C-alpha atoms as a PDB file:
ATOM      1  CA  MET A   1      -3.296 193.618 -95.250  1.00  0.00           C
ATOM      2  CA  LEU A   2      -1.209 194.086 -92.140  1.00  0.00           C
ATOM      3  CA  GLY A   3       2.150 192.399 -91.916  1.00  0.00           C
ATOM      4  CA  ALA A   4       2.734 189.502 -89.501  1.00  0.00           C
ATOM      5  CA  GLY A   5       5.067 191.647 -87.392  1.00  0.00           C
ATOM      6  CA  ARG A   6       2.505 194.375 -86.955  1.00  0.00           C
ATOM      7  CA  ARG A   7      -0.229 191.871 -86.093  1.00  0.00           C
ATOM      8  CA  LEU A   8       1.956 190.260 -83.445  1.00  0.00           C
ATOM      9  CA  GLY A   9       2.939 193.647 -82.051  1.00  0.00           C
ATOM     10  CA  SER A  10      -0.698 194.699 -81.780  1.00  0.00           C
ATOM     11  CA  ARG A  11      -1.656 191.463 -80.087  1.00  0.00           C
ATOM     12  CA  ALA A  12       1.230 191.785 -77.567  1.00  0.00           C
ATOM     13  CA  ALA A  13       0.207 195.365 -76.755  1.00  0.00           C
ATOM     14  CA  TYR A  14      -3.414 194.268 -76.198  1.00  0.00           C
ATOM     15  CA  GLU A  15      -2.270 191.425 -73.919  1.00  0.00           C
ATOM     16  CA  ALA A  16      -0.193 193.802 -71.876  1.00  0.00           C
ATOM     17  CA  LYS A  17      -2.974 196.388 -71.656  1.00  0.00           C
ATOM     18  CA  THR A  18      -5.569 193.879 -70.454  1.00  0.00           C
ATOM     19  CA  LEU A  19      -3.203 192.375 -67.892  1.00  0.00           C
ATOM     20  CA  VAL A  20      -2.566 195.726 -66.161  1.00  0.00           C
ATOM     21  CA  ALA A  21      -5.984 197.296 -66.859  1.00  0.00           C
ATOM     22  CA  ALA A  22      -7.247 196.475 -63.360  1.00  0.00           C
ATOM     23  CA  SER A  23      -4.813 198.997 -61.848  1.00  0.00           C
ATOM     24  CA  PRO A  24      -6.486 202.413 -61.327  1.00  0.00           C
ATOM     25  CA  ARG A  25      -3.131 204.216 -61.279  1.00  0.00           C
ATOM     26  CA  LEU A  26      -1.748 202.591 -64.448  1.00  0.00           C
ATOM     27  CA  THR A  27      -5.080 202.895 -66.256  1.00  0.00           C
ATOM     28  CA  VAL A  28      -5.393 206.646 -65.595  1.00  0.00           C
ATOM     29  CA  ALA A  29      -1.774 207.297 -66.399  1.00  0.00           C
ATOM     30  CA  ALA A  30      -1.942 205.317 -69.657  1.00  0.00           C
ATOM     31  CA  ALA A  31      -5.204 206.929 -70.759  1.00  0.00           C
ATOM     32  CA  ARG A  32      -3.812 210.413 -70.184  1.00  0.00           C
ATOM     33  CA  TRP A  33      -0.598 209.536 -72.043  1.00  0.00           C
ATOM     34  CA  ARG A  34      -2.484 208.086 -75.024  1.00  0.00           C
ATOM     35  CA  GLY A  35      -5.223 210.717 -74.970  1.00  0.00           C
ATOM     36  CA  HIS A  36      -7.714 207.853 -74.898  1.00  0.00           C
ATOM     37  CA  GLY A  37     -11.221 208.535 -73.610  1.00  0.00           C
ATOM     38  CA  GLU A  38     -12.045 211.089 -70.928  1.00  0.00           C
ATOM     39  CA  VAL A  39     -10.344 210.270 -67.646  1.00  0.00           C
ATOM     40  CA  VAL A  40     -12.115 210.397 -64.275  1.00  0.00           C
ATOM     41  CA  GLY A  41     -11.107 213.069 -61.794  1.00  0.00           C
ATOM     42  CA  PRO A  42     -12.372 214.758 -58.650  1.00  0.00           C
ATOM     43  CA  GLY A  43     -14.634 217.011 -60.718  1.00  0.00           C
ATOM     44  CA  SER A  44     -16.249 214.271 -62.780  1.00  0.00           C
ATOM     45  CA  ASP A  45     -20.028 214.074 -62.645  1.00  0.00           C
ATOM     46  CA  ILE A  46     -20.259 210.387 -63.576  1.00  0.00           C
ATOM     47  CA  LEU A  47     -18.281 207.551 -65.130  1.00  0.00           C
ATOM     48  CA  ILE A  48     -19.793 205.344 -67.862  1.00  0.00           C
ATOM     49  CA  GLU A  49     -17.481 202.488 -68.814  1.00  0.00           C
ATOM     50  CA  GLY A  50     -17.585 199.040 -70.386  1.00  0.00           C
ATOM     51  CA  TYR A  51     -15.780 196.623 -72.613  1.00  0.00           C
ATOM     52  CA  PRO A  52     -15.761 197.830 -76.191  1.00  0.00           C
ATOM     53  CA  ARG A  53     -18.975 197.408 -78.264  1.00  0.00           C
ATOM     54  CA  SER A  54     -21.207 197.433 -75.194  1.00  0.00           C
ATOM     55  CA  ALA A  55     -23.189 200.593 -76.127  1.00  0.00           C
ATOM     56  CA  ASN A  56     -20.515 202.874 -74.688  1.00  0.00           C
ATOM     57  CA  GLN A  57     -20.944 205.620 -77.280  1.00  0.00           C
ATOM     58  CA  PHE A  58     -24.733 205.485 -77.210  1.00  0.00           C
ATOM     59  CA  SER A  59     -24.805 205.640 -73.360  1.00  0.00           C
ATOM     60  CA  VAL A  60     -22.600 208.702 -73.235  1.00  0.00           C
ATOM     61  CA  ALA A  61     -24.521 210.472 -76.015  1.00  0.00           C
ATOM     62  CA  ALA A  62     -27.869 209.621 -74.360  1.00  0.00           C
ATOM     63  CA  PHE A  63     -26.714 210.717 -70.884  1.00  0.00           C
ATOM     64  CA  ARG A  64     -25.470 214.059 -72.166  1.00  0.00           C
ATOM     65  CA  LEU A  65     -28.572 214.635 -74.302  1.00  0.00           C
ATOM     66  CA  ALA A  66     -30.820 213.999 -71.296  1.00  0.00           C
ATOM     67  CA  GLN A  67     -28.949 216.413 -68.987  1.00  0.00           C
ATOM     68  CA  GLY A  68     -29.247 219.323 -71.461  1.00  0.00           C
ATOM     69  CA  ARG A  69     -26.197 221.020 -70.013  1.00  0.00           C
ATOM     70  CA  PRO A  70     -22.439 220.402 -69.990  1.00  0.00           C
ATOM     71  CA  MET A  71     -21.442 217.418 -67.849  1.00  0.00           C
ATOM     72  CA  ARG A  72     -18.066 215.901 -67.086  1.00  0.00           C
ATOM     73  CA  VAL A  73     -18.506 212.301 -68.147  1.00  0.00           C
ATOM     74  CA  ALA A  74     -15.562 209.928 -67.744  1.00  0.00           C
ATOM     75  CA  HIS A  75     -15.677 207.241 -70.396  1.00  0.00           C
ATOM     76  CA  HIS A  76     -14.082 205.144 -73.154  1.00  0.00           C
ATOM     77  CA  THR A  77     -10.833 203.944 -71.593  1.00  0.00           C
ATOM     78  CA  HIS A  78     -12.303 200.411 -71.723  1.00  0.00           C
ATOM     79  CA  ALA A  79     -10.351 199.449 -68.597  1.00  0.00           C
ATOM     80  CA  PRO A  80     -11.730 198.112 -65.296  1.00  0.00           C
ATOM     81  CA  GLY A  81      -9.178 200.196 -63.447  1.00  0.00           C
ATOM     82  CA  HIS A  82     -11.011 203.270 -64.654  1.00  0.00           C
ATOM     83  CA  VAL A  83     -14.091 202.145 -62.801  1.00  0.00           C
ATOM     84  CA  LEU A  84     -12.063 201.414 -59.663  1.00  0.00           C
ATOM     85  CA  ALA A  85     -10.531 204.882 -59.910  1.00  0.00           C
ATOM     86  CA  ALA A  86     -14.019 206.377 -59.984  1.00  0.00           C
ATOM     87  CA  LEU A  87     -15.079 204.363 -56.939  1.00  0.00           C
ATOM     88  CA  ARG A  88     -12.048 205.640 -55.032  1.00  0.00           C
ATOM     89  CA  LEU A  89     -13.077 209.190 -55.853  1.00  0.00           C
ATOM     90  CA  HIS A  90     -16.722 208.496 -54.958  1.00  0.00           C
ATOM     91  CA  VAL A  91     -17.804 209.343 -58.519  1.00  0.00           C
ATOM     92  CA  PRO A  92     -21.101 207.670 -59.568  1.00  0.00           C
ATOM     93  CA  ALA A  93     -20.274 204.799 -61.903  1.00  0.00           C
ATOM     94  CA  ILE A  94     -22.307 202.863 -64.507  1.00  0.00           C
ATOM     95  CA  VAL A  95     -20.659 199.723 -65.887  1.00  0.00           C
ATOM     96  CA  LEU A  96     -22.048 198.525 -69.229  1.00  0.00           C
ATOM     97  CA  ILE A  97     -22.118 194.858 -70.257  1.00  0.00           C
ATOM     98  CA  ARG A  98     -23.168 192.969 -73.328  1.00  0.00           C
ATOM     99  CA  ASP A  99     -23.369 189.277 -74.257  1.00  0.00           C
ATOM    100  CA  PRO A 100     -19.701 188.242 -74.618  1.00  0.00           C
ATOM    101  CA  CYS A 101     -20.172 186.706 -78.087  1.00  0.00           C
ATOM    102  CA  ASP A 102     -21.682 189.860 -79.548  1.00  0.00           C
ATOM    103  CA  SER A 103     -19.262 192.290 -77.970  1.00  0.00           C
ATOM    104  CA  VAL A 104     -16.166 190.209 -78.779  1.00  0.00           C
ATOM    105  CA  LEU A 105     -17.113 189.590 -82.394  1.00  0.00           C
ATOM    106  CA  GLU A 106     -17.849 193.270 -82.979  1.00  0.00           C
ATOM    107  CA  PHE A 107     -14.577 194.291 -81.317  1.00  0.00           C
ATOM    108  CA  VAL A 108     -12.612 191.920 -83.591  1.00  0.00           C
ATOM    109  CA  LEU A 109     -14.299 193.629 -86.560  1.00  0.00           C
ATOM    110  CA  VAL A 110     -12.759 196.941 -85.533  1.00  0.00           C
ATOM    111  CA  ARG A 111      -9.514 195.382 -84.269  1.00  0.00           C
ATOM    112  CA  PRO A 112      -8.769 192.750 -86.927  1.00  0.00           C
ATOM    113  CA  THR A 113      -5.189 192.280 -85.629  1.00  0.00           C
ATOM    114  CA  LEU A 114      -6.682 190.483 -82.584  1.00  0.00           C
ATOM    115  CA  THR A 115      -7.853 186.883 -82.493  1.00  0.00           C
ATOM    116  CA  VAL A 116     -11.356 186.049 -81.268  1.00  0.00           C
ATOM    117  CA  ARG A 117      -9.841 184.012 -78.453  1.00  0.00           C
ATOM    118  CA  GLN A 118      -7.643 186.906 -77.358  1.00  0.00           C
ATOM    119  CA  ALA A 119     -10.587 189.321 -77.397  1.00  0.00           C
ATOM    120  CA  LEU A 120     -12.659 186.953 -75.244  1.00  0.00           C
ATOM    121  CA  ARG A 121      -9.855 186.693 -72.737  1.00  0.00           C
ATOM    122  CA  GLY A 122      -9.786 190.498 -72.553  1.00  0.00           C
ATOM    123  CA  TRP A 123     -13.577 190.482 -71.967  1.00  0.00           C
ATOM    124  CA  ILE A 124     -13.205 188.039 -69.106  1.00  0.00           C
ATOM    125  CA  ARG A 125     -10.348 190.009 -67.530  1.00  0.00           C
ATOM    126  CA  PHE A 126     -12.430 193.225 -67.700  1.00  0.00           C
ATOM    127  CA  TYR A 127     -15.458 191.882 -65.827  1.00  0.00           C
ATOM    128  CA  SER A 128     -13.526 189.506 -63.510  1.00  0.00           C
ATOM    129  CA  ALA A 129     -11.649 192.531 -62.122  1.00  0.00           C
ATOM    130  CA  LEU A 130     -14.954 194.272 -61.359  1.00  0.00           C
ATOM    131  CA  GLN A 131     -16.870 191.278 -60.027  1.00  0.00           C
ATOM    132  CA  PRO A 132     -15.838 191.761 -56.337  1.00  0.00           C
ATOM    133  CA  HIS A 133     -16.998 195.439 -56.513  1.00  0.00           C
ATOM    134  CA  ARG A 134     -20.455 194.981 -58.067  1.00  0.00           C
ATOM    135  CA  ALA A 135     -22.300 196.380 -55.085  1.00  0.00           C
ATOM    136  CA  ARG A 136     -20.487 199.708 -55.531  1.00  0.00           C
ATOM    137  CA  PHE A 137     -21.629 200.591 -59.088  1.00  0.00           C
ATOM    138  CA  VAL A 138     -24.695 200.325 -61.281  1.00  0.00           C
ATOM    139  CA  THR A 139     -24.749 197.748 -64.058  1.00  0.00           C
ATOM    140  CA  GLY A 140     -26.214 198.626 -67.448  1.00  0.00           C
ATOM    141  CA  PRO A 141     -26.988 195.521 -69.522  1.00  0.00           C
ATOM    142  CA  PHE A 142     -26.926 196.167 -73.265  1.00  0.00           C
ATOM    143  CA  SER A 143     -30.553 195.110 -73.800  1.00  0.00           C
ATOM    144  CA  GLU A 144     -31.750 197.636 -71.186  1.00  0.00           C
ATOM    145  CA  VAL A 145     -29.382 200.435 -72.243  1.00  0.00           C
ATOM    146  CA  THR A 146     -30.621 200.157 -75.848  1.00  0.00           C
ATOM    147  CA  SER A 147     -34.300 200.029 -74.912  1.00  0.00           C
ATOM    148  CA  ASP A 148     -34.693 202.047 -71.677  1.00  0.00           C
ATOM    149  CA  PHE A 149     -31.481 203.794 -70.676  1.00  0.00           C
ATOM    150  CA  GLY A 150     -33.571 206.070 -68.458  1.00  0.00           C
ATOM    151  CA  ALA A 151     -34.098 203.158 -66.104  1.00  0.00           C
ATOM    152  CA  VAL A 152     -30.325 202.747 -65.748  1.00  0.00           C
ATOM    153  CA  ILE A 153     -29.969 206.437 -64.914  1.00  0.00           C
ATOM    154  CA  ARG A 154     -32.740 206.181 -62.339  1.00  0.00           C
ATOM    155  CA  ARG A 155     -30.933 203.307 -60.660  1.00  0.00           C
ATOM    156  CA  ALA A 156     -27.797 205.442 -60.542  1.00  0.00           C
ATOM    157  CA  ASN A 157     -29.777 208.205 -58.855  1.00  0.00           C
ATOM    158  CA  GLU A 158     -31.098 205.745 -56.253  1.00  0.00           C
ATOM    159  CA  ARG A 159     -27.674 204.255 -55.610  1.00  0.00           C
ATOM    160  CA  PHE A 160     -25.634 207.471 -55.442  1.00  0.00           C
ATOM    161  CA  GLY A 161     -28.186 210.019 -54.325  1.00  0.00           C
ATOM    162  CA  SER A 162     -27.662 211.946 -57.539  1.00  0.00           C
ATOM    163  CA  ALA A 163     -30.292 213.931 -59.526  1.00  0.00           C
ATOM    164  CA  PHE A 164     -29.382 213.132 -63.121  1.00  0.00           C
ATOM    165  CA  VAL A 165     -32.249 213.565 -65.643  1.00  0.00           C
ATOM    166  CA  PRO A 166     -33.268 210.137 -66.938  1.00  0.00           C
ATOM    167  CA  PHE A 167     -32.976 209.651 -70.710  1.00  0.00           C
ATOM    168  CA  ASP A 168     -36.394 209.725 -72.402  1.00  0.00           C
ATOM    169  CA  HIS A 169     -36.095 206.755 -74.732  1.00  0.00           C
ATOM    170  CA  THR A 170     -38.180 208.118 -77.578  1.00  0.00           C
ATOM    171  CA  GLU A 171     -37.531 207.433 -81.280  1.00  0.00           C
ATOM    172  CA  GLU A 172     -36.609 211.105 -81.743  1.00  0.00           C
ATOM    173  CA  ASN A 173     -34.024 211.050 -78.949  1.00  0.00           C
ATOM    174  CA  VAL A 174     -32.527 207.752 -80.113  1.00  0.00           C
ATOM    175  CA  ARG A 175     -32.248 209.120 -83.684  1.00  0.00           C
ATOM    176  CA  GLU A 176     -30.446 212.150 -82.339  1.00  0.00           C
ATOM    177  CA  CYS A 177     -27.922 209.926 -80.478  1.00  0.00           C
ATOM    178  CA  PHE A 178     -27.395 207.847 -83.648  1.00  0.00           C
ATOM    179  CA  ARG A 179     -26.909 211.076 -85.659  1.00  0.00           C
ATOM    180  CA  GLN A 180     -24.201 212.234 -83.273  1.00  0.00           C
ATOM    181  CA  MET A 181     -22.522 208.817 -83.403  1.00  0.00           C
ATOM    182  CA  ASP A 182     -22.550 208.725 -87.204  1.00  0.00           C
ATOM    183  CA  ALA A 183     -21.181 212.297 -87.374  1.00  0.00           C
ATOM    184  CA  TYR A 184     -18.302 211.382 -85.086  1.00  0.00           C
ATOM    185  CA  TRP A 185     -17.232 208.409 -87.151  1.00  0.00           C
ATOM    186  CA  GLU A 186     -17.839 210.074 -90.494  1.00  0.00           C
ATOM    187  CA  GLY A 187     -15.439 212.786 -89.315  1.00  0.00           C
ATOM    188  CA  ARG A 188     -12.822 210.150 -88.562  1.00  0.00           C
ATOM    189  CA  ILE A 189     -13.177 207.655 -91.507  1.00  0.00           C
ATOM    190  CA  GLY A 190     -15.641 209.182 -93.935  1.00  0.00           C
ATOM    191  CA  ALA A 191     -19.111 208.091 -95.077  1.00  0.00           C
ATOM    192  CA  THR A 192     -18.011 204.739 -96.561  1.00  0.00           C
ATOM    193  CA  GLU A 193     -19.051 201.137 -95.923  1.00  0.00           C
ATOM    194  CA  GLU A 194     -16.281 201.000 -93.309  1.00  0.00           C
ATOM    195  CA  LEU A 195     -18.494 203.276 -91.188  1.00  0.00           C
ATOM    196  CA  GLU A 196     -20.699 200.207 -90.514  1.00  0.00           C
ATOM    197  CA  ARG A 197     -17.754 198.462 -88.946  1.00  0.00           C
ATOM    198  CA  TYR A 198     -17.215 201.159 -86.329  1.00  0.00           C
ATOM    199  CA  VAL A 199     -20.407 203.083 -85.549  1.00  0.00           C
ATOM    200  CA  GLY A 200     -22.312 201.951 -82.493  1.00  0.00           C
ATOM    201  CA  ARG A 201     -25.874 201.940 -83.877  1.00  0.00           C
ATOM    202  CA  PRO A 202     -27.608 198.865 -85.292  1.00  0.00           C
ATOM    203  CA  SER A 203     -26.214 197.726 -88.664  1.00  0.00           C
ATOM    204  CA  ALA A 204     -27.370 194.874 -90.908  1.00  0.00           C
ATOM    205  CA  THR A 205     -23.984 195.010 -92.670  1.00  0.00           C
ATOM    206  CA  ARG A 206     -22.097 194.548 -89.411  1.00  0.00           C
ATOM    207  CA  ASP A 207     -24.435 191.694 -88.417  1.00  0.00           C
ATOM    208  CA  ARG A 208     -23.436 189.874 -91.607  1.00  0.00           C
ATOM    209  CA  TRP A 209     -19.782 190.346 -90.867  1.00  0.00           C
ATOM    210  CA  LYS A 210     -20.294 189.045 -87.350  1.00  0.00           C
ATOM    211  CA  ASP A 211     -22.064 185.976 -88.693  1.00  0.00           C
ATOM    212  CA  ASP A 212     -18.911 185.187 -90.727  1.00  0.00           C
ATOM    213  CA  LEU A 213     -16.927 185.124 -87.428  1.00  0.00           C
ATOM    214  CA  LEU A 214     -19.421 183.209 -85.343  1.00  0.00           C
ATOM    215  CA  GLU A 215     -18.007 179.760 -86.249  1.00  0.00           C
ATOM    216  CA  THR A 216     -14.601 180.888 -84.944  1.00  0.00           C
ATOM    217  CA  TYR A 217     -16.177 181.895 -81.635  1.00  0.00           C
ATOM    218  CA  LEU A 218     -18.064 178.620 -81.304  1.00  0.00           C
ATOM    219  CA  ARG A 219     -14.824 176.647 -81.856  1.00  0.00           C
ATOM    220  CA  LEU A 220     -13.191 178.269 -78.818  1.00  0.00           C
ATOM    221  CA  PRO A 221     -12.734 175.973 -75.766  1.00  0.00           C
ATOM    222  CA  SER A 222     -16.076 175.483 -74.041  1.00  0.00           C
ATOM    223  CA  ALA A 223     -14.518 176.265 -70.637  1.00  0.00           C
ATOM    224  CA  LEU A 224     -13.510 179.721 -71.903  1.00  0.00           C
ATOM    225  CA  ARG A 225     -16.921 180.464 -73.358  1.00  0.00           C
ATOM    226  CA  SER A 226     -18.824 179.123 -70.364  1.00  0.00           C
ATOM    227  CA  GLY A 227     -16.667 181.157 -67.989  1.00  0.00           C
ATOM    228  CA  ALA A 228     -17.553 184.316 -69.892  1.00  0.00           C
ATOM    229  CA  GLU A 229     -21.222 183.414 -70.011  1.00  0.00           C
ATOM    230  CA  GLU A 230     -21.326 182.817 -66.274  1.00  0.00           C
ATOM    231  CA  LEU A 231     -19.718 186.217 -65.677  1.00  0.00           C
ATOM    232  CA  TYR A 232     -22.322 187.783 -67.955  1.00  0.00           C
ATOM    233  CA  ARG A 233     -25.196 186.147 -66.088  1.00  0.00           C
ATOM    234  CA  ASN A 234     -23.772 187.328 -62.750  1.00  0.00           C
ATOM    235  CA  PHE A 235     -23.648 190.902 -63.994  1.00  0.00           C
ATOM    236  CA  ALA A 236     -26.687 191.218 -66.243  1.00  0.00           C
ATOM    237  CA  GLY A 237     -28.981 188.843 -64.364  1.00  0.00           C
ATOM    238  CA  GLY A 238     -28.708 190.862 -61.166  1.00  0.00           C
ATOM    239  CA  ALA A 239     -28.433 194.356 -62.662  1.00  0.00           C
ATOM    240  CA  SER A 240     -28.572 196.937 -59.941  1.00  0.00           C
END
């Protein structure tokens, strides 16, 4: 059990991060300093970015598997400023999005120092910062990414004039992505039940843990939840 001081420190750090995360300069500098994710640069082939638990790891694994050759993929800073940095560099960008309830509850499972309310505010800040720029990147809704990621890559090719190989969403290819994802987390935390908390593939265990948190989410102010849901509809409903 984490002490109260550590919980408060973690929450304060998260608030600070999400408040400045819309700045491309600060995002890139912070990600390089922390060694967090792979940072976009002039030589990047593509950026794939989203709020945590939005199929980030699956998308990167699937994209790389489809290309069949080394690619420079910028990803996993979980900051809107990273997307804006890619747009400034004219690097093709895919922004992932998932229903706010699902992504927030899963994020709290891996960051238990955060409150559900705080995580939802972070979700809103992420996509609010990108809303004015939607015409400049491709949106990848979670339901499409996890059922036909090839369609998302094809939209990226159409938008950016690129020639990326679309992911063939077969059972075999999906299994290979899940294998890579499991191997990554097993290497970090071991093959224990805790793996289900972190790994980005479907998990009945994680679904049960999320159900335990759902009541907390539903008790949040309706204005906060409806604001997030409207943002989600604006992004996912008009995916392009």
